[in-house]
Amino acid sequence: MIAGLTNRSDQLYDIYARISAWGHEHTKSDAYSAAVIQVSNDQGGEYNAIRAGLHTLPSLYKDTKLHLFAQWTTDRNWKTGCYNTDCPGFVPFKDSYRGIPKPGMVVEALSSYNQTDSSMILQIVKDERPGIGGDWWLYSVAGPVRFPLGRWPASLFTSMSRHATEAAWCGAVGYARRGDAPPAMGSGHGPGEGYTRAAYFADISVMDRIAYPVDHPSLGSVAAVANDERCYKVAMDAGGGNTFFYGGPVSQFCA
């Protein structure tokens, strides 16, 4: 199940967001809860996609902590590719910076209901400078500084070797056993509760032209998507700022 926003364009080269960080310590071993930014391309029947974000996935990490992650695929069912560096694909950036997050790491700074607001800024960019090769890069952003976390080589992809055609910012949950209640999404509270209570994506943006360095233009038209609004909802921030809230609690009603 997902709840978030999507944006389609003939050509997309960048996605950006500040993602609130919420723990999901009660997630069962066969379930997951995630906050995701994603770019994809399905032109010519060749579906390629890249994701990054924050998730709790006990089957991968053997814990219920929140982790930073990166993922890629070349099929719509996500049977190809992998998370982080679990297969050849994502190439971590070899750096000497201390404290820079890396895919797979535990996110220690978490939001707490009605108290603390913790977040992480992530950006996925296609580097189209002449002679560079057109790889997709994952960055963590702190103030005016972008820290490269790694890249997905263009050679991994077919349609995405050129550009993306859809961007998405969304919460996502899944569970394996029929009859089980799905896990909480976001903070576990509805989007109407607002800052410090509901999970959010803030300062969301895309780029539909090639530029370097990447800037953050205003977002164009977007579509809200929530495939079961009985369980998880989306609400734009009344204050603007290209921000929306999303999520919902654990509920047997949604099983």
C-alpha atoms as a PDB file:
ATOM      1  CA  MET A   1       0.000   0.000   0.000  1.00  0.00           C
ATOM      2  CA  ILE A   2       1.220   3.491  -0.813  1.00  0.00           C
ATOM      3  CA  ALA A   3       0.241   7.084  -0.090  1.00  0.00           C
ATOM      4  CA  GLY A   4       1.967  10.069  -1.662  1.00  0.00           C
ATOM      5  CA  LEU A   5       2.392  12.192  -4.773  1.00  0.00           C
ATOM      6  CA  THR A   6       3.518  11.460  -8.321  1.00  0.00           C
ATOM      7  CA  ASN A   7       4.708  13.705 -11.146  1.00  0.00           C
ATOM      8  CA  ARG A   8       4.987  12.688 -14.804  1.00  0.00           C
ATOM      9  CA  SER A   9       7.007  14.410 -17.512  1.00  0.00           C
ATOM     10  CA  ASP A  10       8.590  13.576 -20.851  1.00  0.00           C
ATOM     11  CA  GLN A  11      12.013  13.883 -19.247  1.00  0.00           C
ATOM     12  CA  LEU A  12      13.049  13.992 -15.596  1.00  0.00           C
ATOM     13  CA  TYR A  13      16.604  14.234 -14.291  1.00  0.00           C
ATOM     14  CA  ASP A  14      16.260  15.001 -10.578  1.00  0.00           C
ATOM     15  CA  ILE A  15      14.105  14.352  -7.512  1.00  0.00           C
ATOM     16  CA  TYR A  16      14.536  16.001  -4.107  1.00  0.00           C
ATOM     17  CA  ALA A  17      12.820  15.938  -0.708  1.00  0.00           C
ATOM     18  CA  ARG A  18      13.256  16.400   3.009  1.00  0.00           C
ATOM     19  CA  ILE A  19      11.845  13.253   4.593  1.00  0.00           C
ATOM     20  CA  SER A  20      10.715  13.088   8.205  1.00  0.00           C
ATOM     21  CA  ALA A  21      12.252  10.163  10.091  1.00  0.00           C
ATOM     22  CA  TRP A  22       9.904   7.981  12.132  1.00  0.00           C
ATOM     23  CA  GLY A  23      10.726   4.646  13.761  1.00  0.00           C
ATOM     24  CA  HIS A  24       8.595   1.522  13.369  1.00  0.00           C
ATOM     25  CA  GLU A  25       9.845  -0.703  16.156  1.00  0.00           C
ATOM     26  CA  HIS A  26       6.660  -2.812  16.182  1.00  0.00           C
ATOM     27  CA  THR A  27       6.982  -3.904  12.534  1.00  0.00           C
ATOM     28  CA  LYS A  28       6.624  -7.680  12.223  1.00  0.00           C
ATOM     29  CA  SER A  29       9.330  -9.818  10.665  1.00  0.00           C
ATOM     30  CA  ASP A  30       7.436 -10.283   7.387  1.00  0.00           C
ATOM     31  CA  ALA A  31       6.344  -6.648   7.000  1.00  0.00           C
ATOM     32  CA  TYR A  32       7.935  -3.310   6.117  1.00  0.00           C
ATOM     33  CA  SER A  33       7.252   0.412   6.358  1.00  0.00           C
ATOM     34  CA  ALA A  34       9.067   2.975   4.218  1.00  0.00           C
ATOM     35  CA  ALA A  35       9.307   6.605   3.088  1.00  0.00           C
ATOM     36  CA  VAL A  36      10.516   6.675  -0.506  1.00  0.00           C
ATOM     37  CA  ILE A  37      11.610   8.976  -3.300  1.00  0.00           C
ATOM     38  CA  GLN A  38      11.613   7.265  -6.684  1.00  0.00           C
ATOM     39  CA  VAL A  39      12.310   7.976 -10.350  1.00  0.00           C
ATOM     40  CA  SER A  40      11.261   5.559 -13.081  1.00  0.00           C
ATOM     41  CA  ASN A  41      10.829   5.147 -16.826  1.00  0.00           C
ATOM     42  CA  ASP A  42       8.481   2.718 -18.597  1.00  0.00           C
ATOM     43  CA  GLN A  43       8.956   3.886 -22.166  1.00  0.00           C
ATOM     44  CA  GLY A  44       9.025   1.178 -24.779  1.00  0.00           C
ATOM     45  CA  GLY A  45       7.802  -1.382 -22.278  1.00  0.00           C
ATOM     46  CA  GLU A  46      11.156  -1.249 -20.491  1.00  0.00           C
ATOM     47  CA  TYR A  47      10.460  -0.454 -16.845  1.00  0.00           C
ATOM     48  CA  ASN A  48      13.482   0.840 -14.917  1.00  0.00           C
ATOM     49  CA  ALA A  49      13.386   2.470 -11.475  1.00  0.00           C
ATOM     50  CA  ILE A  50      15.541   3.826  -8.658  1.00  0.00           C
ATOM     51  CA  ARG A  51      14.425   4.336  -5.062  1.00  0.00           C
ATOM     52  CA  ALA A  52      16.000   5.782  -1.963  1.00  0.00           C
ATOM     53  CA  GLY A  53      14.640   6.674   1.426  1.00  0.00           C
ATOM     54  CA  LEU A  54      14.106   5.479   4.976  1.00  0.00           C
ATOM     55  CA  HIS A  55      12.616   2.115   5.874  1.00  0.00           C
ATOM     56  CA  THR A  56      12.124  -0.560   8.483  1.00  0.00           C
ATOM     57  CA  LEU A  57      12.594  -3.974   6.872  1.00  0.00           C
ATOM     58  CA  PRO A  58      13.232  -6.769   9.393  1.00  0.00           C
ATOM     59  CA  SER A  59      13.673  -9.447   6.726  1.00  0.00           C
ATOM     60  CA  LEU A  60      16.712  -7.591   5.359  1.00  0.00           C
ATOM     61  CA  TYR A  61      18.396  -6.195   8.476  1.00  0.00           C
ATOM     62  CA  LYS A  62      17.186  -8.637  11.157  1.00  0.00           C
ATOM     63  CA  ASP A  63      16.049  -5.711  13.318  1.00  0.00           C
ATOM     64  CA  THR A  64      13.179  -3.216  13.519  1.00  0.00           C
ATOM     65  CA  LYS A  65      15.315  -0.084  13.345  1.00  0.00           C
ATOM     66  CA  LEU A  66      14.983   2.642  10.729  1.00  0.00           C
ATOM     67  CA  HIS A  67      17.580   2.408   7.949  1.00  0.00           C
ATOM     68  CA  LEU A  68      18.661   4.579   5.054  1.00  0.00           C
ATOM     69  CA  PHE A  69      18.356   2.576   1.841  1.00  0.00           C
ATOM     70  CA  ALA A  70      18.966   2.629  -1.899  1.00  0.00           C
ATOM     71  CA  GLN A  71      17.331   0.267  -4.410  1.00  0.00           C
ATOM     72  CA  TRP A  72      17.138  -0.283  -8.166  1.00  0.00           C
ATOM     73  CA  THR A  73      15.402  -2.554 -10.652  1.00  0.00           C
ATOM     74  CA  THR A  74      14.891  -3.179 -14.346  1.00  0.00           C
ATOM     75  CA  ASP A  75      11.455  -4.814 -14.077  1.00  0.00           C
ATOM     76  CA  ARG A  76       8.073  -3.701 -12.782  1.00  0.00           C
ATOM     77  CA  ASN A  77       7.906  -6.477 -10.183  1.00  0.00           C
ATOM     78  CA  TRP A  78      11.262  -5.530  -8.632  1.00  0.00           C
ATOM     79  CA  LYS A  79      12.677  -9.023  -9.160  1.00  0.00           C
ATOM     80  CA  THR A  80      15.930  -7.664 -10.607  1.00  0.00           C
ATOM     81  CA  GLY A  81      18.326  -5.361  -8.791  1.00  0.00           C
ATOM     82  CA  CYS A  82      18.611  -5.176  -5.016  1.00  0.00           C
ATOM     83  CA  TYR A  83      18.850  -3.044  -1.895  1.00  0.00           C
ATOM     84  CA  ASN A  84      21.993  -1.098  -1.056  1.00  0.00           C
ATOM     85  CA  THR A  85      25.079  -3.086  -2.077  1.00  0.00           C
ATOM     86  CA  ASP A  86      23.533  -6.568  -1.803  1.00  0.00           C
ATOM     87  CA  CYS A  87      24.305  -7.167  -5.495  1.00  0.00           C
ATOM     88  CA  PRO A  88      26.479  -5.467  -8.129  1.00  0.00           C
ATOM     89  CA  GLY A  89      24.827  -2.181  -9.037  1.00  0.00           C
ATOM     90  CA  PHE A  90      24.894   0.694  -6.570  1.00  0.00           C
ATOM     91  CA  VAL A  91      28.462   1.957  -6.193  1.00  0.00           C
ATOM     92  CA  PRO A  92      29.126   3.670  -2.828  1.00  0.00           C
ATOM     93  CA  PHE A  93      31.103   6.894  -2.925  1.00  0.00           C
ATOM     94  CA  LYS A  94      34.521   6.409  -1.346  1.00  0.00           C
ATOM     95  CA  ASP A  95      35.099   9.488   0.774  1.00  0.00           C
ATOM     96  CA  SER A  96      36.844  10.718   3.878  1.00  0.00           C
ATOM     97  CA  TYR A  97      33.885  12.617   5.332  1.00  0.00           C
ATOM     98  CA  ARG A  98      32.935  11.574   8.820  1.00  0.00           C
ATOM     99  CA  GLY A  99      29.305  11.227   9.734  1.00  0.00           C
ATOM    100  CA  ILE A 100      28.033  10.995   6.151  1.00  0.00           C
ATOM    101  CA  PRO A 101      25.150   8.516   5.949  1.00  0.00           C
ATOM    102  CA  LYS A 102      25.506   5.397   3.839  1.00  0.00           C
ATOM    103  CA  PRO A 103      22.776   3.113   2.482  1.00  0.00           C
ATOM    104  CA  GLY A 104      22.055   0.369   4.979  1.00  0.00           C
ATOM    105  CA  MET A 105      23.026   2.412   8.026  1.00  0.00           C
ATOM    106  CA  VAL A 106      20.717   2.824  11.016  1.00  0.00           C
ATOM    107  CA  VAL A 107      19.085   6.249  11.311  1.00  0.00           C
ATOM    108  CA  GLU A 108      19.535   7.226  14.944  1.00  0.00           C
ATOM    109  CA  ALA A 109      17.844  10.648  14.981  1.00  0.00           C
ATOM    110  CA  LEU A 110      14.105   9.976  14.969  1.00  0.00           C
ATOM    111  CA  SER A 111      11.028  12.134  15.289  1.00  0.00           C
ATOM    112  CA  SER A 112       8.874  11.740  18.384  1.00  0.00           C
ATOM    113  CA  TYR A 113       5.168  12.506  18.557  1.00  0.00           C
ATOM    114  CA  ASN A 114       4.413  16.123  19.471  1.00  0.00           C
ATOM    115  CA  GLN A 115       8.032  16.672  20.538  1.00  0.00           C
ATOM    116  CA  THR A 116      10.939  16.201  18.113  1.00  0.00           C
ATOM    117  CA  ASP A 117      11.040  16.699  14.357  1.00  0.00           C
ATOM    118  CA  SER A 118      13.933  14.842  12.722  1.00  0.00           C
ATOM    119  CA  SER A 119      14.416  14.562   8.970  1.00  0.00           C
ATOM    120  CA  MET A 120      16.884  13.739   6.206  1.00  0.00           C
ATOM    121  CA  ILE A 121      17.233  15.435   2.820  1.00  0.00           C
ATOM    122  CA  LEU A 122      17.837  13.096  -0.103  1.00  0.00           C
ATOM    123  CA  GLN A 123      18.300  13.805  -3.795  1.00  0.00           C
ATOM    124  CA  ILE A 124      18.648  11.558  -6.843  1.00  0.00           C
ATOM    125  CA  VAL A 125      20.279  13.267  -9.846  1.00  0.00           C
ATOM    126  CA  LYS A 126      21.262  12.140 -13.324  1.00  0.00           C
ATOM    127  CA  ASP A 127      24.672  13.601 -14.110  1.00  0.00           C
ATOM    128  CA  GLU A 128      24.560  14.592 -17.765  1.00  0.00           C
ATOM    129  CA  ARG A 129      27.787  16.578 -17.954  1.00  0.00           C
ATOM    130  CA  PRO A 130      29.694  15.768 -21.157  1.00  0.00           C
ATOM    131  CA  GLY A 131      32.098  12.879 -20.690  1.00  0.00           C
ATOM    132  CA  ILE A 132      30.735  11.876 -17.267  1.00  0.00           C
ATOM    133  CA  GLY A 133      28.591   8.968 -18.450  1.00  0.00           C
ATOM    134  CA  GLY A 134      25.059   9.798 -17.346  1.00  0.00           C
ATOM    135  CA  ASP A 135      25.082   7.877 -14.049  1.00  0.00           C
ATOM    136  CA  TRP A 136      22.347   8.438 -11.450  1.00  0.00           C
ATOM    137  CA  TRP A 137      23.743   9.826  -8.164  1.00  0.00           C
ATOM    138  CA  LEU A 138      22.323   9.718  -4.648  1.00  0.00           C
ATOM    139  CA  TYR A 139      23.083  12.699  -2.420  1.00  0.00           C
ATOM    140  CA  SER A 140      22.468  13.611   1.196  1.00  0.00           C
ATOM    141  CA  VAL A 141      21.971  17.358   1.618  1.00  0.00           C
ATOM    142  CA  ALA A 142      22.878  19.451   4.661  1.00  0.00           C
ATOM    143  CA  GLY A 143      22.297  23.186   4.230  1.00  0.00           C
ATOM    144  CA  PRO A 144      24.060  24.362   1.068  1.00  0.00           C
ATOM    145  CA  VAL A 145      26.273  21.255   0.873  1.00  0.00           C
ATOM    146  CA  ARG A 146      25.499  18.065  -1.058  1.00  0.00           C
ATOM    147  CA  PHE A 147      27.341  14.920  -0.008  1.00  0.00           C
ATOM    148  CA  PRO A 148      27.549  12.147  -2.622  1.00  0.00           C
ATOM    149  CA  LEU A 149      26.541   8.771  -1.201  1.00  0.00           C
ATOM    150  CA  GLY A 150      27.016   6.746  -4.373  1.00  0.00           C
ATOM    151  CA  ARG A 151      25.798   6.145  -7.885  1.00  0.00           C
ATOM    152  CA  TRP A 152      23.874   3.752 -10.097  1.00  0.00           C
ATOM    153  CA  PRO A 153      25.838   3.380 -13.364  1.00  0.00           C
ATOM    154  CA  ALA A 154      23.849   4.179 -16.495  1.00  0.00           C
ATOM    155  CA  SER A 155      24.919   0.792 -17.842  1.00  0.00           C
ATOM    156  CA  LEU A 156      22.489  -0.903 -15.400  1.00  0.00           C
ATOM    157  CA  PHE A 157      19.507   0.469 -17.275  1.00  0.00           C
ATOM    158  CA  THR A 158      17.781   0.598 -20.636  1.00  0.00           C
ATOM    159  CA  SER A 159      15.092   3.318 -20.534  1.00  0.00           C
ATOM    160  CA  MET A 160      16.607   4.996 -17.470  1.00  0.00           C
ATOM    161  CA  SER A 161      19.963   5.287 -19.202  1.00  0.00           C
ATOM    162  CA  ARG A 162      18.384   8.282 -20.972  1.00  0.00           C
ATOM    163  CA  HIS A 163      16.145   9.921 -18.355  1.00  0.00           C
ATOM    164  CA  ALA A 164      13.172   9.244 -16.086  1.00  0.00           C
ATOM    165  CA  THR A 165       9.519   9.922 -16.912  1.00  0.00           C
ATOM    166  CA  GLU A 166       7.919   9.694 -13.453  1.00  0.00           C
ATOM    167  CA  ALA A 167       8.851  10.895  -9.987  1.00  0.00           C
ATOM    168  CA  ALA A 168       7.187   9.770  -6.766  1.00  0.00           C
ATOM    169  CA  TRP A 169       7.329  10.716  -3.095  1.00  0.00           C
ATOM    170  CA  CYS A 170       5.393   8.279  -0.952  1.00  0.00           C
ATOM    171  CA  GLY A 171       4.958   6.232   2.150  1.00  0.00           C
ATOM    172  CA  ALA A 172       4.771   2.492   1.517  1.00  0.00           C
ATOM    173  CA  VAL A 173       3.897  -0.516   3.656  1.00  0.00           C
ATOM    174  CA  GLY A 174       3.664  -4.219   2.991  1.00  0.00           C
ATOM    175  CA  TYR A 175       2.993  -7.464   4.813  1.00  0.00           C
ATOM    176  CA  ALA A 176       2.987 -11.116   3.821  1.00  0.00           C
ATOM    177  CA  ARG A 177       0.343 -12.916   5.867  1.00  0.00           C
ATOM    178  CA  ARG A 178      -3.286 -12.492   4.838  1.00  0.00           C
ATOM    179  CA  GLY A 179      -5.426 -11.424   7.739  1.00  0.00           C
ATOM    180  CA  ASP A 180      -2.635  -9.535   9.482  1.00  0.00           C
ATOM    181  CA  ALA A 181      -3.045  -5.811  10.015  1.00  0.00           C
ATOM    182  CA  PRO A 182      -0.604  -3.798   7.866  1.00  0.00           C
ATOM    183  CA  PRO A 183       2.054  -1.852   9.775  1.00  0.00           C
ATOM    184  CA  ALA A 184       1.854   1.818  10.602  1.00  0.00           C
ATOM    185  CA  MET A 185       2.846   4.205   7.818  1.00  0.00           C
ATOM    186  CA  GLY A 186       4.802   7.356   8.592  1.00  0.00           C
ATOM    187  CA  SER A 187       4.265   8.402  12.198  1.00  0.00           C
ATOM    188  CA  GLY A 188       1.308   6.075  12.622  1.00  0.00           C
ATOM    189  CA  HIS A 189      -0.999   9.110  12.722  1.00  0.00           C
ATOM    190  CA  GLY A 190      -3.151  10.656  10.026  1.00  0.00           C
ATOM    191  CA  PRO A 191      -1.889  13.523   7.852  1.00  0.00           C
ATOM    192  CA  GLY A 192      -4.418  15.959   9.294  1.00  0.00           C
ATOM    193  CA  GLU A 193      -2.448  16.167  12.542  1.00  0.00           C
ATOM    194  CA  GLY A 194       0.334  18.255  10.956  1.00  0.00           C
ATOM    195  CA  TYR A 195       3.929  18.946  11.997  1.00  0.00           C
ATOM    196  CA  THR A 196       5.529  16.964  14.860  1.00  0.00           C
ATOM    197  CA  ARG A 197       2.583  14.559  14.727  1.00  0.00           C
ATOM    198  CA  ALA A 198       2.242  13.382  11.121  1.00  0.00           C
ATOM    199  CA  ALA A 199       4.999  12.240   8.752  1.00  0.00           C
ATOM    200  CA  TYR A 200       5.849  14.483   5.816  1.00  0.00           C
ATOM    201  CA  PHE A 201       7.804  15.078   2.645  1.00  0.00           C
ATOM    202  CA  ALA A 202       8.920  18.721   2.498  1.00  0.00           C
ATOM    203  CA  ASP A 203      10.495  20.934  -0.199  1.00  0.00           C
ATOM    204  CA  ILE A 204       9.739  18.339  -2.859  1.00  0.00           C
ATOM    205  CA  SER A 205      10.995  19.174  -6.330  1.00  0.00           C
ATOM    206  CA  VAL A 206      11.879  17.686  -9.688  1.00  0.00           C
ATOM    207  CA  MET A 207      13.895  18.849 -12.661  1.00  0.00           C
ATOM    208  CA  ASP A 208      12.763  18.289 -16.220  1.00  0.00           C
ATOM    209  CA  ARG A 209      15.818  19.757 -17.883  1.00  0.00           C
ATOM    210  CA  ILE A 210      19.547  19.102 -17.756  1.00  0.00           C
ATOM    211  CA  ALA A 211      21.583  21.454 -15.595  1.00  0.00           C
ATOM    212  CA  TYR A 212      24.672  21.388 -13.425  1.00  0.00           C
ATOM    213  CA  PRO A 213      24.871  22.106 -10.595  1.00  0.00           C
ATOM    214  CA  VAL A 214      21.316  20.999  -9.913  1.00  0.00           C
ATOM    215  CA  ASP A 215      18.941  23.628  -8.600  1.00  0.00           C
ATOM    216  CA  HIS A 216      15.467  23.149  -7.169  1.00  0.00           C
ATOM    217  CA  PRO A 217      12.765  24.684  -9.351  1.00  0.00           C
ATOM    218  CA  SER A 218       9.151  24.889  -8.312  1.00  0.00           C
ATOM    219  CA  LEU A 219       7.228  21.649  -8.677  1.00  0.00           C
ATOM    220  CA  GLY A 220       4.849  21.317 -11.601  1.00  0.00           C
ATOM    221  CA  SER A 221       1.559  19.457 -11.574  1.00  0.00           C
ATOM    222  CA  VAL A 222       1.373  16.472  -9.242  1.00  0.00           C
ATOM    223  CA  ALA A 223      -1.219  13.791  -8.573  1.00  0.00           C
ATOM    224  CA  ALA A 224      -2.031  12.389  -5.155  1.00  0.00           C
ATOM    225  CA  VAL A 225      -2.125   8.603  -4.881  1.00  0.00           C
ATOM    226  CA  ALA A 226      -3.413   6.514  -1.976  1.00  0.00           C
ATOM    227  CA  ASN A 227      -4.503   3.046  -2.992  1.00  0.00           C
ATOM    228  CA  ASP A 228      -6.558   2.534   0.176  1.00  0.00           C
ATOM    229  CA  GLU A 229      -7.722   5.800   1.768  1.00  0.00           C
ATOM    230  CA  ARG A 230      -9.500   3.873   4.508  1.00  0.00           C
ATOM    231  CA  CYS A 231      -6.040   3.157   5.880  1.00  0.00           C
ATOM    232  CA  TYR A 232      -3.552   5.758   4.665  1.00  0.00           C
ATOM    233  CA  LYS A 233      -4.134   9.291   3.446  1.00  0.00           C
ATOM    234  CA  VAL A 234      -2.331  12.266   1.889  1.00  0.00           C
ATOM    235  CA  ALA A 235      -2.845  15.963   2.701  1.00  0.00           C
ATOM    236  CA  MET A 236      -1.034  18.989   1.293  1.00  0.00           C
ATOM    237  CA  ASP A 237       0.350  21.466   3.806  1.00  0.00           C
ATOM    238  CA  ALA A 238      -1.956  24.464   3.924  1.00  0.00           C
ATOM    239  CA  GLY A 239       1.094  26.659   4.432  1.00  0.00           C
ATOM    240  CA  GLY A 240       2.529  25.693   1.039  1.00  0.00           C
ATOM    241  CA  GLY A 241       6.232  25.107   0.607  1.00  0.00           C
ATOM    242  CA  ASN A 242       5.812  22.008  -1.574  1.00  0.00           C
ATOM    243  CA  THR A 243       5.104  19.926   1.520  1.00  0.00           C
ATOM    244  CA  PHE A 244       2.586  17.157   2.183  1.00  0.00           C
ATOM    245  CA  PHE A 245       1.697  14.920   5.104  1.00  0.00           C
ATOM    246  CA  TYR A 246       0.856  11.239   4.796  1.00  0.00           C
ATOM    247  CA  GLY A 247       0.317   8.023   6.711  1.00  0.00           C
ATOM    248  CA  GLY A 248      -1.928   6.256   9.146  1.00  0.00           C
ATOM    249  CA  PRO A 249      -2.025   3.775  12.032  1.00  0.00           C
ATOM    250  CA  VAL A 250      -2.010   0.004  12.285  1.00  0.00           C
ATOM    251  CA  SER A 251      -5.584  -1.109  11.655  1.00  0.00           C
ATOM    252  CA  GLN A 252      -7.265  -4.511  11.466  1.00  0.00           C
ATOM    253  CA  PHE A 253      -9.824  -2.785   9.232  1.00  0.00           C
ATOM    254  CA  CYS A 254      -7.180  -2.721   6.508  1.00  0.00           C
ATOM    255  CA  ALA A 255      -6.142  -6.380   6.765  1.00  0.00           C
END
